[in-house]
């Protein structure tokens, strides 16, 4: 029974990621009645095609109608979301759920459009009421990165999100997240050879990575 409950929680986390991806893609023209469809041919997806993670493999990663390849990142992020949500439930860290949801929406929005809506930060606000805040660390992070951005390309949204992470998690954690995000960027560059990156998705990935490391006591940071 315990493992079945964990499985349900994992699936719920994967569904949350899938839903947030749609919100980020459609915002601000969100239609709650919109049905899931193929991004290529517009065909309404059948029920088994929208099952988190499994739907991708049931259809062999292709649209059943136009046969276009479905992005493998879709089931990958659903899997990661399921794992992190399950970890939050298991370790009693639901106070970080608003931060998790906010980061996911910001990451998908940045990935799709290259910018974020500041109003999305409001989603993170509930976490602020249940964690000790590191105000000086946040100010230091914000102004230090703002100065660095005068010489090196650094988006204002990236700076604001790192400042928020420093406010909630502390300066040391924020620096770890920044370093790991940069490492992921370097790895991505080796494969894609891109000269510019939308950085917020890497910040979100690094935050989840650090959370998982600390949750399972793999490393003391």
N, C-alpha and C. Protein backbone atom coordinates (compact mmCIF):
# COMPACT_ATOMS: atom_id res chain seq x y z
N UNK A 1 0.83 -1.20 0.00
CA UNK A 1 0.00 0.00 0.00
C UNK A 1 0.88 1.26 0.00
N UNK A 2 1.96 1.21 0.77
CA UNK A 2 2.86 2.35 0.86
C UNK A 2 3.46 2.69 -0.49
N UNK A 3 3.92 1.67 -1.22
CA UNK A 3 4.55 1.89 -2.51
C UNK A 3 3.53 2.32 -3.56
N UNK A 4 2.32 1.84 -3.43
CA UNK A 4 1.26 2.27 -4.35
C UNK A 4 0.98 3.76 -4.15
N UNK A 5 0.96 4.19 -2.89
CA UNK A 5 0.74 5.61 -2.58
C UNK A 5 1.87 6.46 -3.15
N UNK A 6 3.12 5.98 -3.02
CA UNK A 6 4.26 6.69 -3.59
C UNK A 6 4.12 6.80 -5.12
N UNK A 7 3.64 5.73 -5.72
CA UNK A 7 3.45 5.73 -7.18
C UNK A 7 2.43 6.79 -7.58
N UNK A 8 1.33 6.87 -6.84
CA UNK A 8 0.28 7.86 -7.12
C UNK A 8 0.84 9.27 -6.97
N UNK A 9 1.65 9.49 -5.92
CA UNK A 9 2.24 10.81 -5.69
C UNK A 9 3.21 11.16 -6.82
N UNK A 10 3.97 10.16 -7.27
CA UNK A 10 4.90 10.37 -8.39
C UNK A 10 4.14 10.78 -9.65
N UNK A 11 3.06 10.07 -9.97
CA UNK A 11 2.26 10.38 -11.15
C UNK A 11 1.65 11.78 -11.02
N UNK A 12 1.22 12.12 -9.82
CA UNK A 12 0.66 13.45 -9.59
C UNK A 12 1.70 14.53 -9.88
N UNK A 13 2.94 14.30 -9.44
CA UNK A 13 4.03 15.24 -9.70
C UNK A 13 4.29 15.38 -11.19
N UNK A 14 4.25 14.26 -11.90
CA UNK A 14 4.46 14.29 -13.36
C UNK A 14 3.33 15.06 -14.04
N UNK A 15 2.10 14.88 -13.55
CA UNK A 15 0.95 15.60 -14.11
C UNK A 15 1.08 17.10 -13.86
N UNK A 16 1.58 17.46 -12.68
CA UNK A 16 1.78 18.88 -12.36
C UNK A 16 2.75 19.52 -13.34
N UNK A 17 3.85 18.82 -13.63
CA UNK A 17 4.83 19.34 -14.58
C UNK A 17 4.20 19.51 -15.96
N UNK A 18 3.45 18.52 -16.40
CA UNK A 18 2.80 18.58 -17.70
C UNK A 18 1.82 19.75 -17.77
N UNK A 19 1.07 19.95 -16.71
CA UNK A 19 0.11 21.05 -16.66
C UNK A 19 0.81 22.40 -16.66
N UNK A 20 1.88 22.52 -15.88
CA UNK A 20 2.62 23.79 -15.80
C UNK A 20 3.26 24.13 -17.14
N UNK A 21 3.67 23.11 -17.87
CA UNK A 21 4.26 23.34 -19.20
C UNK A 21 3.24 23.97 -20.13
N UNK A 22 2.00 23.49 -20.05
CA UNK A 22 0.92 24.05 -20.88
C UNK A 22 0.63 25.49 -20.47
N UNK A 23 0.59 25.74 -19.15
CA UNK A 23 0.34 27.09 -18.64
C UNK A 23 1.41 28.05 -19.16
N UNK A 24 2.68 27.64 -19.07
CA UNK A 24 3.78 28.50 -19.52
C UNK A 24 3.71 28.74 -21.02
N UNK A 25 3.28 27.72 -21.77
CA UNK A 25 3.21 27.84 -23.23
C UNK A 25 2.08 28.78 -23.66
N UNK A 26 0.96 28.74 -22.95
CA UNK A 26 -0.22 29.50 -23.37
C UNK A 26 -0.32 30.88 -22.73
N UNK A 27 0.39 31.12 -21.64
CA UNK A 27 0.24 32.36 -20.89
C UNK A 27 0.60 33.55 -21.77
N UNK A 28 -0.15 34.68 -21.73
CA UNK A 28 -1.30 34.94 -20.84
C UNK A 28 -2.65 34.54 -21.43
N UNK A 29 -2.69 33.98 -22.65
CA UNK A 29 -3.96 33.56 -23.25
C UNK A 29 -4.27 32.12 -22.85
N UNK A 30 -4.61 31.93 -21.59
CA UNK A 30 -4.86 30.59 -21.07
C UNK A 30 -6.32 30.22 -21.26
N UNK A 31 -6.55 29.11 -21.91
CA UNK A 31 -7.91 28.60 -22.12
C UNK A 31 -8.04 27.28 -21.36
N UNK A 32 -8.76 27.32 -20.25
CA UNK A 32 -8.89 26.13 -19.40
C UNK A 32 -9.64 25.00 -20.10
N UNK A 33 -10.37 25.35 -21.16
CA UNK A 33 -11.13 24.34 -21.89
C UNK A 33 -10.32 23.72 -23.03
N UNK A 34 -9.12 24.24 -23.24
CA UNK A 34 -8.32 23.74 -24.37
C UNK A 34 -7.93 22.28 -24.14
N UNK A 35 -8.06 21.48 -25.18
CA UNK A 35 -7.67 20.08 -25.10
C UNK A 35 -6.28 19.91 -25.67
N UNK A 36 -5.56 18.93 -25.15
CA UNK A 36 -4.19 18.68 -25.60
C UNK A 36 -4.20 18.27 -27.07
N UNK A 37 -3.25 18.82 -27.82
CA UNK A 37 -3.21 18.52 -29.25
C UNK A 37 -1.77 18.41 -29.71
N UNK A 38 -1.57 17.86 -30.90
CA UNK A 38 -0.24 17.75 -31.49
C UNK A 38 0.24 19.13 -31.89
N UNK A 39 1.49 19.45 -31.56
CA UNK A 39 2.04 20.76 -31.89
C UNK A 39 2.26 20.93 -33.39
N UNK A 40 2.25 19.84 -34.14
CA UNK A 40 2.53 19.90 -35.58
C UNK A 40 1.26 19.92 -36.42
N UNK A 41 0.39 18.94 -36.21
CA UNK A 41 -0.80 18.84 -37.07
C UNK A 41 -2.08 19.32 -36.39
N UNK A 42 -2.01 19.59 -35.06
CA UNK A 42 -3.17 20.11 -34.34
C UNK A 42 -4.20 19.07 -33.96
N UNK A 43 -3.95 17.79 -34.22
CA UNK A 43 -4.91 16.73 -33.89
C UNK A 43 -5.08 16.62 -32.37
N UNK A 44 -6.33 16.50 -31.93
CA UNK A 44 -6.62 16.31 -30.51
C UNK A 44 -6.08 14.95 -30.07
N UNK A 45 -5.31 14.93 -29.01
CA UNK A 45 -4.68 13.69 -28.55
C UNK A 45 -5.70 12.78 -27.86
N UNK A 46 -5.53 11.49 -28.03
CA UNK A 46 -6.39 10.51 -27.38
C UNK A 46 -5.94 10.33 -25.93
N UNK A 47 -6.79 9.71 -25.12
CA UNK A 47 -6.55 9.64 -23.68
C UNK A 47 -5.23 8.99 -23.32
N UNK A 48 -4.84 7.93 -24.04
CA UNK A 48 -3.61 7.22 -23.67
C UNK A 48 -2.36 7.98 -24.10
N UNK A 49 -2.51 8.95 -25.00
CA UNK A 49 -1.36 9.72 -25.45
C UNK A 49 -0.94 10.79 -24.44
N UNK A 50 -1.86 11.16 -23.55
CA UNK A 50 -1.54 12.22 -22.59
C UNK A 50 -1.22 11.66 -21.20
N UNK A 51 -1.09 10.34 -21.09
CA UNK A 51 -0.64 9.75 -19.83
C UNK A 51 0.81 10.19 -19.60
N UNK A 52 1.12 10.80 -18.44
CA UNK A 52 2.48 11.27 -18.19
C UNK A 52 3.51 10.15 -18.37
N UNK A 53 4.56 10.45 -19.06
CA UNK A 53 5.71 9.58 -19.31
C UNK A 53 5.33 8.39 -20.20
N UNK A 54 4.35 7.59 -19.75
CA UNK A 54 3.98 6.38 -20.48
C UNK A 54 3.43 6.69 -21.87
N UNK A 55 2.70 7.80 -22.00
CA UNK A 55 2.11 8.15 -23.28
C UNK A 55 3.15 8.29 -24.38
N UNK A 56 4.32 8.79 -24.02
CA UNK A 56 5.40 8.95 -25.01
C UNK A 56 5.84 7.60 -25.56
N UNK A 57 5.98 6.63 -24.69
CA UNK A 57 6.47 5.32 -25.11
C UNK A 57 5.38 4.48 -25.77
N UNK A 58 4.13 4.70 -25.38
CA UNK A 58 3.03 3.98 -26.02
C UNK A 58 2.97 4.33 -27.51
N UNK A 59 3.24 5.59 -27.82
CA UNK A 59 3.18 6.05 -29.21
C UNK A 59 4.54 6.02 -29.90
N UNK A 60 5.53 5.41 -29.24
CA UNK A 60 6.90 5.36 -29.78
C UNK A 60 7.48 6.75 -30.03
N UNK A 61 7.01 7.72 -29.25
CA UNK A 61 7.56 9.06 -29.34
C UNK A 61 7.17 9.81 -30.60
N UNK A 62 6.07 9.39 -31.26
CA UNK A 62 5.64 10.05 -32.49
C UNK A 62 4.14 10.31 -32.47
N UNK A 63 3.73 11.34 -33.18
CA UNK A 63 2.30 11.61 -33.34
C UNK A 63 1.70 10.49 -34.17
N UNK A 64 0.57 9.96 -33.74
CA UNK A 64 -0.06 8.85 -34.45
C UNK A 64 -0.63 9.27 -35.80
N UNK A 65 -0.81 10.58 -35.98
CA UNK A 65 -1.38 11.07 -37.22
C UNK A 65 -0.32 11.53 -38.21
N UNK A 66 0.48 12.55 -37.83
CA UNK A 66 1.46 13.12 -38.77
C UNK A 66 2.83 12.46 -38.68
N UNK A 67 3.04 11.61 -37.66
CA UNK A 67 4.28 10.86 -37.48
C UNK A 67 5.49 11.73 -37.13
N UNK A 68 5.25 12.99 -36.78
CA UNK A 68 6.36 13.83 -36.35
C UNK A 68 6.87 13.39 -34.98
N UNK A 69 8.17 13.56 -34.76
CA UNK A 69 8.79 13.13 -33.52
C UNK A 69 8.39 14.06 -32.38
N UNK A 70 7.98 13.49 -31.26
CA UNK A 70 7.65 14.25 -30.06
C UNK A 70 8.93 14.49 -29.28
N UNK A 71 9.09 15.68 -28.75
CA UNK A 71 10.29 16.04 -28.00
C UNK A 71 10.47 15.12 -26.79
N UNK A 72 11.64 14.47 -26.71
CA UNK A 72 11.90 13.56 -25.59
C UNK A 72 11.98 14.28 -24.26
N UNK A 73 12.22 15.61 -24.31
CA UNK A 73 12.29 16.36 -23.06
C UNK A 73 10.96 16.34 -22.31
N UNK A 74 9.86 16.13 -23.02
CA UNK A 74 8.55 16.11 -22.35
C UNK A 74 8.46 15.01 -21.28
N UNK A 75 8.67 13.73 -21.62
CA UNK A 75 8.62 12.71 -20.57
C UNK A 75 9.77 12.84 -19.57
N UNK A 76 10.92 13.38 -20.03
CA UNK A 76 12.05 13.55 -19.12
C UNK A 76 11.69 14.50 -17.99
N UNK A 77 11.11 15.68 -18.34
CA UNK A 77 10.75 16.65 -17.30
C UNK A 77 9.62 16.13 -16.43
N UNK A 78 8.71 15.37 -17.01
CA UNK A 78 7.64 14.78 -16.21
C UNK A 78 8.21 13.81 -15.18
N UNK A 79 9.21 13.03 -15.59
CA UNK A 79 9.86 12.10 -14.67
C UNK A 79 10.56 12.85 -13.54
N UNK A 80 11.34 13.88 -13.89
CA UNK A 80 12.05 14.67 -12.88
C UNK A 80 11.06 15.33 -11.93
N UNK A 81 9.97 15.87 -12.49
CA UNK A 81 8.96 16.50 -11.65
C UNK A 81 8.33 15.52 -10.68
N UNK A 82 8.07 14.31 -11.16
CA UNK A 82 7.50 13.27 -10.30
C UNK A 82 8.43 12.91 -9.16
N UNK A 83 9.72 12.79 -9.47
CA UNK A 83 10.72 12.45 -8.44
C UNK A 83 10.82 13.54 -7.38
N UNK A 84 10.90 14.80 -7.83
CA UNK A 84 11.05 15.91 -6.88
C UNK A 84 9.79 16.07 -6.02
N UNK A 85 8.62 15.96 -6.64
CA UNK A 85 7.37 16.08 -5.88
C UNK A 85 7.26 14.95 -4.86
N UNK A 86 7.63 13.74 -5.26
CA UNK A 86 7.61 12.61 -4.34
C UNK A 86 8.58 12.85 -3.18
N UNK A 87 9.75 13.41 -3.47
CA UNK A 87 10.74 13.70 -2.43
C UNK A 87 10.20 14.73 -1.45
N UNK A 88 9.51 15.76 -1.96
CA UNK A 88 8.95 16.78 -1.08
C UNK A 88 7.92 16.19 -0.13
N UNK A 89 7.09 15.28 -0.64
CA UNK A 89 6.10 14.63 0.20
C UNK A 89 6.79 13.73 1.23
N UNK A 90 7.76 12.96 0.77
CA UNK A 90 8.45 12.00 1.64
C UNK A 90 9.20 12.69 2.77
N UNK A 91 9.87 13.80 2.45
CA UNK A 91 10.68 14.49 3.46
C UNK A 91 9.94 15.64 4.14
N UNK A 92 8.65 15.81 3.82
CA UNK A 92 7.87 16.85 4.48
C UNK A 92 8.30 18.26 4.12
N UNK A 93 8.68 18.48 2.87
CA UNK A 93 9.19 19.78 2.44
C UNK A 93 8.18 20.53 1.57
N UNK A 94 6.90 20.41 1.86
CA UNK A 94 5.89 21.03 1.02
C UNK A 94 5.95 22.55 1.05
N UNK A 95 6.66 23.11 2.02
CA UNK A 95 6.81 24.57 2.05
C UNK A 95 7.55 25.07 0.82
N UNK A 96 8.32 24.16 0.18
CA UNK A 96 9.05 24.55 -1.03
C UNK A 96 8.25 24.31 -2.30
N UNK A 97 7.04 23.79 -2.18
CA UNK A 97 6.24 23.50 -3.36
C UNK A 97 5.94 24.75 -4.19
N UNK A 98 5.55 25.90 -3.56
CA UNK A 98 5.35 27.11 -4.37
C UNK A 98 6.61 27.54 -5.12
N UNK A 99 7.78 27.40 -4.47
CA UNK A 99 9.04 27.72 -5.14
C UNK A 99 9.26 26.80 -6.32
N UNK A 100 8.99 25.52 -6.13
CA UNK A 100 9.14 24.52 -7.18
C UNK A 100 8.22 24.83 -8.37
N UNK A 101 6.96 25.12 -8.09
CA UNK A 101 5.99 25.43 -9.15
C UNK A 101 6.39 26.70 -9.89
N UNK A 102 6.77 27.73 -9.13
CA UNK A 102 7.18 28.99 -9.74
C UNK A 102 8.38 28.83 -10.65
N UNK A 103 9.39 28.08 -10.20
CA UNK A 103 10.58 27.87 -11.00
C UNK A 103 10.28 27.11 -12.28
N UNK A 104 9.39 26.13 -12.20
CA UNK A 104 9.03 25.34 -13.37
C UNK A 104 8.36 26.23 -14.43
N UNK A 105 7.40 27.04 -14.01
CA UNK A 105 6.72 27.93 -14.96
C UNK A 105 7.70 28.93 -15.56
N UNK A 106 8.56 29.51 -14.72
CA UNK A 106 9.55 30.47 -15.21
C UNK A 106 10.52 29.81 -16.19
N UNK A 107 10.91 28.58 -15.90
CA UNK A 107 11.84 27.87 -16.78
C UNK A 107 11.22 27.58 -18.14
N UNK A 108 9.98 27.09 -18.14
CA UNK A 108 9.31 26.79 -19.41
C UNK A 108 9.04 28.07 -20.19
N UNK A 109 8.64 29.14 -19.50
CA UNK A 109 8.37 30.41 -20.18
C UNK A 109 9.62 30.94 -20.84
N UNK A 110 10.73 30.89 -20.12
CA UNK A 110 12.00 31.36 -20.68
C UNK A 110 12.43 30.49 -21.85
N UNK A 111 12.23 29.18 -21.73
CA UNK A 111 12.61 28.26 -22.80
C UNK A 111 11.79 28.50 -24.06
N UNK A 112 10.49 28.80 -23.89
CA UNK A 112 9.62 29.01 -25.04
C UNK A 112 9.82 30.38 -25.70
N UNK A 113 9.91 31.42 -24.86
CA UNK A 113 9.84 32.78 -25.39
C UNK A 113 11.08 33.64 -25.13
N UNK A 114 11.97 33.21 -24.25
CA UNK A 114 13.18 33.99 -23.98
C UNK A 114 12.96 35.13 -23.01
N UNK A 115 11.82 35.15 -22.34
CA UNK A 115 11.57 36.16 -21.31
C UNK A 115 10.57 35.58 -20.31
N UNK A 116 10.41 36.26 -19.18
CA UNK A 116 9.48 35.79 -18.15
C UNK A 116 8.55 36.93 -17.76
N UNK A 117 7.41 36.57 -17.20
CA UNK A 117 6.46 37.55 -16.69
C UNK A 117 6.71 37.72 -15.19
N UNK A 118 7.10 38.93 -14.75
CA UNK A 118 7.38 39.15 -13.31
C UNK A 118 6.24 38.74 -12.39
N UNK A 119 5.00 38.78 -12.90
CA UNK A 119 3.86 38.40 -12.06
C UNK A 119 3.98 36.95 -11.59
N UNK A 120 4.75 36.14 -12.34
CA UNK A 120 4.94 34.72 -11.97
C UNK A 120 5.63 34.60 -10.62
N UNK A 121 6.42 35.60 -10.24
CA UNK A 121 7.12 35.56 -8.95
C UNK A 121 6.14 35.44 -7.78
N UNK A 122 4.91 35.92 -7.99
CA UNK A 122 3.92 35.86 -6.91
C UNK A 122 3.61 34.43 -6.49
N UNK A 123 3.79 33.49 -7.39
CA UNK A 123 3.55 32.08 -7.06
C UNK A 123 4.48 31.62 -5.95
N UNK A 124 5.68 32.19 -5.92
CA UNK A 124 6.70 31.77 -4.96
C UNK A 124 6.45 32.35 -3.57
N UNK A 125 5.64 33.41 -3.48
CA UNK A 125 5.45 34.16 -2.23
C UNK A 125 5.08 33.28 -1.03
N UNK A 126 4.16 32.28 -1.15
CA UNK A 126 3.82 31.48 0.05
C UNK A 126 5.02 30.85 0.73
N UNK A 127 6.04 30.47 -0.04
CA UNK A 127 7.24 29.88 0.57
C UNK A 127 7.92 30.86 1.51
N UNK A 128 7.82 32.16 1.22
CA UNK A 128 8.50 33.18 2.03
C UNK A 128 7.96 33.25 3.45
N UNK A 129 6.72 32.82 3.64
CA UNK A 129 6.10 32.91 4.96
C UNK A 129 6.49 31.75 5.87
N UNK A 130 7.13 30.72 5.32
CA UNK A 130 7.42 29.52 6.11
C UNK A 130 8.91 29.19 6.18
N UNK A 131 9.75 30.07 5.66
CA UNK A 131 11.19 29.85 5.71
C UNK A 131 11.90 31.09 6.23
N UNK A 132 13.02 30.92 6.93
CA UNK A 132 13.81 32.10 7.34
C UNK A 132 14.37 32.79 6.11
N UNK A 133 14.26 34.11 6.06
CA UNK A 133 14.68 34.85 4.88
C UNK A 133 16.08 35.44 5.07
N UNK A 134 16.85 35.43 4.00
CA UNK A 134 18.22 35.94 4.02
C UNK A 134 18.24 37.22 3.18
N UNK A 135 17.73 38.30 3.77
CA UNK A 135 17.53 39.55 3.03
C UNK A 135 18.84 40.15 2.56
N UNK A 136 19.84 40.22 3.43
CA UNK A 136 21.13 40.80 3.05
C UNK A 136 21.79 39.97 1.93
N UNK A 137 21.68 38.66 2.05
CA UNK A 137 22.24 37.79 1.00
C UNK A 137 21.56 38.05 -0.35
N UNK A 138 20.24 38.24 -0.32
CA UNK A 138 19.50 38.49 -1.55
C UNK A 138 19.93 39.81 -2.18
N UNK A 139 20.09 40.85 -1.36
CA UNK A 139 20.52 42.15 -1.87
C UNK A 139 21.93 42.07 -2.44
N UNK A 140 22.81 41.35 -1.74
CA UNK A 140 24.18 41.18 -2.22
C UNK A 140 24.20 40.45 -3.56
N UNK A 141 23.42 39.39 -3.66
CA UNK A 141 23.33 38.64 -4.91
C UNK A 141 22.81 39.50 -6.05
N UNK A 142 21.75 40.24 -5.77
CA UNK A 142 21.13 41.06 -6.82
C UNK A 142 22.09 42.12 -7.36
N UNK A 143 22.69 42.90 -6.46
CA UNK A 143 23.53 44.01 -6.91
C UNK A 143 24.87 43.53 -7.48
N UNK A 144 25.40 42.42 -6.95
CA UNK A 144 26.64 41.87 -7.49
C UNK A 144 26.43 41.39 -8.93
N UNK A 145 25.34 40.66 -9.16
CA UNK A 145 25.05 40.17 -10.51
C UNK A 145 24.68 41.31 -11.45
N UNK A 146 24.05 42.35 -10.90
CA UNK A 146 23.70 43.51 -11.71
C UNK A 146 24.96 44.20 -12.23
N UNK A 147 25.98 44.28 -11.38
CA UNK A 147 27.25 44.88 -11.80
C UNK A 147 27.95 44.00 -12.83
N UNK A 148 27.92 42.69 -12.60
CA UNK A 148 28.55 41.76 -13.54
C UNK A 148 27.87 41.83 -14.91
N UNK A 149 26.55 42.05 -14.90
CA UNK A 149 25.80 42.07 -16.16
C UNK A 149 26.18 43.24 -17.06
N UNK A 150 26.86 44.25 -16.49
CA UNK A 150 27.28 45.39 -17.31
C UNK A 150 28.39 44.99 -18.29
N UNK A 151 29.14 43.97 -17.92
CA UNK A 151 30.22 43.51 -18.79
C UNK A 151 29.91 42.21 -19.49
N UNK A 152 29.18 41.33 -18.81
CA UNK A 152 28.85 40.03 -19.37
C UNK A 152 27.33 39.92 -19.54
N UNK A 153 26.88 39.25 -20.61
CA UNK A 153 25.43 39.13 -20.84
C UNK A 153 24.74 38.32 -19.75
N UNK A 154 23.90 38.99 -18.99
CA UNK A 154 23.17 38.34 -17.90
C UNK A 154 21.79 38.97 -17.84
N UNK A 155 20.76 38.20 -18.10
CA UNK A 155 19.41 38.74 -18.14
C UNK A 155 18.92 39.18 -16.78
N UNK A 156 18.07 40.20 -16.77
CA UNK A 156 17.52 40.70 -15.51
C UNK A 156 16.69 39.63 -14.82
N UNK A 157 15.97 38.82 -15.61
CA UNK A 157 15.19 37.73 -15.02
C UNK A 157 16.07 36.72 -14.31
N UNK A 158 17.24 36.41 -14.90
CA UNK A 158 18.19 35.50 -14.26
C UNK A 158 18.63 36.05 -12.91
N UNK A 159 18.93 37.36 -12.90
CA UNK A 159 19.40 38.02 -11.67
C UNK A 159 18.32 37.98 -10.60
N UNK A 160 17.09 38.29 -10.99
CA UNK A 160 15.99 38.32 -10.02
C UNK A 160 15.73 36.94 -9.42
N UNK A 161 15.78 35.91 -10.25
CA UNK A 161 15.51 34.56 -9.76
C UNK A 161 16.63 34.09 -8.83
N UNK A 162 17.87 34.37 -9.19
CA UNK A 162 18.98 34.00 -8.31
C UNK A 162 18.92 34.77 -6.98
N UNK A 163 18.46 36.01 -7.03
CA UNK A 163 18.28 36.78 -5.80
C UNK A 163 17.18 36.17 -4.93
N UNK A 164 16.09 35.72 -5.56
CA UNK A 164 15.01 35.06 -4.83
C UNK A 164 15.50 33.77 -4.18
N UNK A 165 16.29 33.01 -4.92
CA UNK A 165 16.85 31.76 -4.36
C UNK A 165 17.78 32.06 -3.20
N UNK A 166 18.55 33.14 -3.33
CA UNK A 166 19.44 33.54 -2.24
C UNK A 166 18.62 33.99 -1.02
N UNK A 167 17.49 34.64 -1.27
CA UNK A 167 16.60 35.08 -0.19
C UNK A 167 16.04 33.89 0.59
N UNK A 168 15.66 32.85 -0.13
CA UNK A 168 15.01 31.69 0.50
C UNK A 168 16.03 30.66 1.00
N UNK A 169 17.04 30.38 0.20
CA UNK A 169 17.96 29.28 0.50
C UNK A 169 19.30 29.73 1.07
N UNK A 170 19.61 31.02 0.97
CA UNK A 170 20.89 31.52 1.46
C UNK A 170 21.89 31.69 0.34
N UNK A 171 22.92 32.49 0.60
CA UNK A 171 23.91 32.82 -0.42
C UNK A 171 24.71 31.61 -0.86
N UNK A 172 25.08 30.77 0.08
CA UNK A 172 25.90 29.60 -0.24
C UNK A 172 25.18 28.67 -1.22
N UNK A 173 23.92 28.42 -0.93
CA UNK A 173 23.12 27.56 -1.80
C UNK A 173 22.94 28.19 -3.18
N UNK A 174 22.69 29.50 -3.19
CA UNK A 174 22.50 30.20 -4.46
C UNK A 174 23.76 30.13 -5.32
N UNK A 175 24.94 30.22 -4.68
CA UNK A 175 26.19 30.12 -5.43
C UNK A 175 26.39 28.72 -5.99
N UNK A 176 26.02 27.71 -5.21
CA UNK A 176 26.09 26.33 -5.71
C UNK A 176 25.16 26.15 -6.92
N UNK A 177 23.97 26.69 -6.80
CA UNK A 177 23.01 26.59 -7.91
C UNK A 177 23.55 27.29 -9.15
N UNK A 178 24.14 28.48 -8.96
CA UNK A 178 24.70 29.22 -10.09
C UNK A 178 25.83 28.44 -10.76
N UNK A 179 26.72 27.86 -9.95
CA UNK A 179 27.84 27.11 -10.51
C UNK A 179 27.38 25.87 -11.27
N UNK A 180 26.42 25.16 -10.71
CA UNK A 180 25.93 23.95 -11.38
C UNK A 180 25.17 24.32 -12.65
N UNK A 181 24.40 25.42 -12.60
CA UNK A 181 23.68 25.88 -13.79
C UNK A 181 24.67 26.22 -14.90
N UNK A 182 25.79 26.88 -14.53
CA UNK A 182 26.82 27.20 -15.53
C UNK A 182 27.46 25.93 -16.08
N UNK A 183 27.65 24.94 -15.22
CA UNK A 183 28.21 23.66 -15.66
C UNK A 183 27.30 22.99 -16.68
N UNK A 184 25.99 23.00 -16.40
CA UNK A 184 25.03 22.44 -17.35
C UNK A 184 25.06 23.20 -18.68
N UNK A 185 25.26 24.51 -18.60
CA UNK A 185 25.35 25.32 -19.82
C UNK A 185 26.57 24.90 -20.65
N UNK A 186 27.68 24.67 -19.97
CA UNK A 186 28.90 24.25 -20.66
C UNK A 186 28.69 22.90 -21.34
N UNK A 187 28.05 21.98 -20.61
CA UNK A 187 27.78 20.66 -21.19
C UNK A 187 26.87 20.79 -22.40
N UNK A 188 25.85 21.65 -22.29
CA UNK A 188 24.94 21.87 -23.40
C UNK A 188 25.67 22.48 -24.59
N UNK A 189 26.61 23.37 -24.32
CA UNK A 189 27.39 24.01 -25.39
C UNK A 189 28.22 22.98 -26.16
N UNK A 190 28.74 21.99 -25.45
CA UNK A 190 29.56 20.97 -26.10
C UNK A 190 28.77 20.17 -27.12
N UNK A 191 27.44 20.07 -26.88
CA UNK A 191 26.59 19.32 -27.80
C UNK A 191 25.95 20.21 -28.87
N UNK A 192 25.57 21.43 -28.48
CA UNK A 192 24.80 22.29 -29.39
C UNK A 192 25.62 23.40 -30.03
N UNK A 193 26.76 23.75 -29.43
CA UNK A 193 27.61 24.82 -29.94
C UNK A 193 26.86 26.14 -30.07
N UNK A 194 25.93 26.39 -29.14
CA UNK A 194 25.21 27.66 -29.14
C UNK A 194 26.03 28.72 -28.40
N UNK A 195 25.93 29.97 -28.84
CA UNK A 195 26.68 31.06 -28.22
C UNK A 195 25.86 31.79 -27.15
N UNK A 196 24.58 31.56 -27.11
CA UNK A 196 23.74 32.18 -26.10
C UNK A 196 22.75 31.16 -25.57
N UNK A 197 22.39 31.31 -24.30
CA UNK A 197 21.51 30.34 -23.67
C UNK A 197 20.40 31.06 -22.91
N UNK A 198 19.25 30.44 -22.89
CA UNK A 198 18.19 30.89 -21.99
C UNK A 198 18.47 30.23 -20.66
N UNK A 199 18.89 31.02 -19.70
CA UNK A 199 19.57 30.50 -18.51
C UNK A 199 18.63 29.99 -17.43
N UNK A 200 17.41 30.51 -17.39
CA UNK A 200 16.50 30.14 -16.29
C UNK A 200 16.21 28.64 -16.24
N UNK A 201 16.02 27.95 -17.38
CA UNK A 201 15.84 26.49 -17.29
C UNK A 201 17.01 25.80 -16.60
N UNK A 202 18.23 26.28 -16.83
CA UNK A 202 19.39 25.67 -16.19
C UNK A 202 19.40 25.97 -14.68
N UNK A 203 18.93 27.16 -14.30
CA UNK A 203 18.82 27.50 -12.88
C UNK A 203 17.82 26.56 -12.20
N UNK A 204 16.69 26.32 -12.87
CA UNK A 204 15.66 25.44 -12.31
C UNK A 204 16.18 24.01 -12.16
N UNK A 205 16.89 23.53 -13.19
CA UNK A 205 17.46 22.18 -13.14
C UNK A 205 18.47 22.08 -12.01
N UNK A 206 19.34 23.10 -11.89
CA UNK A 206 20.37 23.09 -10.85
C UNK A 206 19.74 23.11 -9.46
N UNK A 207 18.66 23.87 -9.30
CA UNK A 207 17.97 23.93 -8.01
C UNK A 207 17.41 22.57 -7.64
N UNK A 208 16.77 21.90 -8.60
CA UNK A 208 16.26 20.56 -8.35
C UNK A 208 17.37 19.58 -8.04
N UNK A 209 18.49 19.72 -8.75
CA UNK A 209 19.66 18.86 -8.53
C UNK A 209 20.20 19.01 -7.11
N UNK A 210 20.35 20.26 -6.68
CA UNK A 210 20.84 20.53 -5.33
C UNK A 210 19.85 20.00 -4.28
N UNK A 211 18.56 20.19 -4.55
CA UNK A 211 17.55 19.72 -3.60
C UNK A 211 17.63 18.20 -3.43
N UNK A 212 17.78 17.49 -4.54
CA UNK A 212 17.83 16.03 -4.47
C UNK A 212 19.09 15.58 -3.74
N UNK A 213 20.21 16.25 -3.97
CA UNK A 213 21.46 15.90 -3.29
C UNK A 213 21.30 16.06 -1.78
N UNK A 214 20.73 17.21 -1.36
CA UNK A 214 20.57 17.47 0.07
C UNK A 214 19.52 16.56 0.69
N UNK A 215 18.46 16.27 -0.05
CA UNK A 215 17.37 15.44 0.49
C UNK A 215 17.84 14.04 0.82
N UNK A 216 18.69 13.48 -0.06
CA UNK A 216 19.14 12.11 0.14
C UNK A 216 20.52 12.03 0.79
N UNK A 217 20.98 13.19 1.31
CA UNK A 217 22.26 13.25 2.05
C UNK A 217 23.41 12.66 1.25
N UNK A 218 23.40 12.94 -0.08
CA UNK A 218 24.49 12.47 -0.92
C UNK A 218 25.74 13.31 -0.68
N UNK A 219 25.52 14.58 -0.35
CA UNK A 219 26.63 15.50 -0.18
C UNK A 219 26.22 16.58 0.79
N UNK A 220 27.12 17.00 1.64
CA UNK A 220 26.85 18.10 2.55
C UNK A 220 27.38 19.38 1.94
N UNK A 221 26.47 20.32 1.70
CA UNK A 221 26.85 21.58 1.09
C UNK A 221 26.84 22.69 2.14
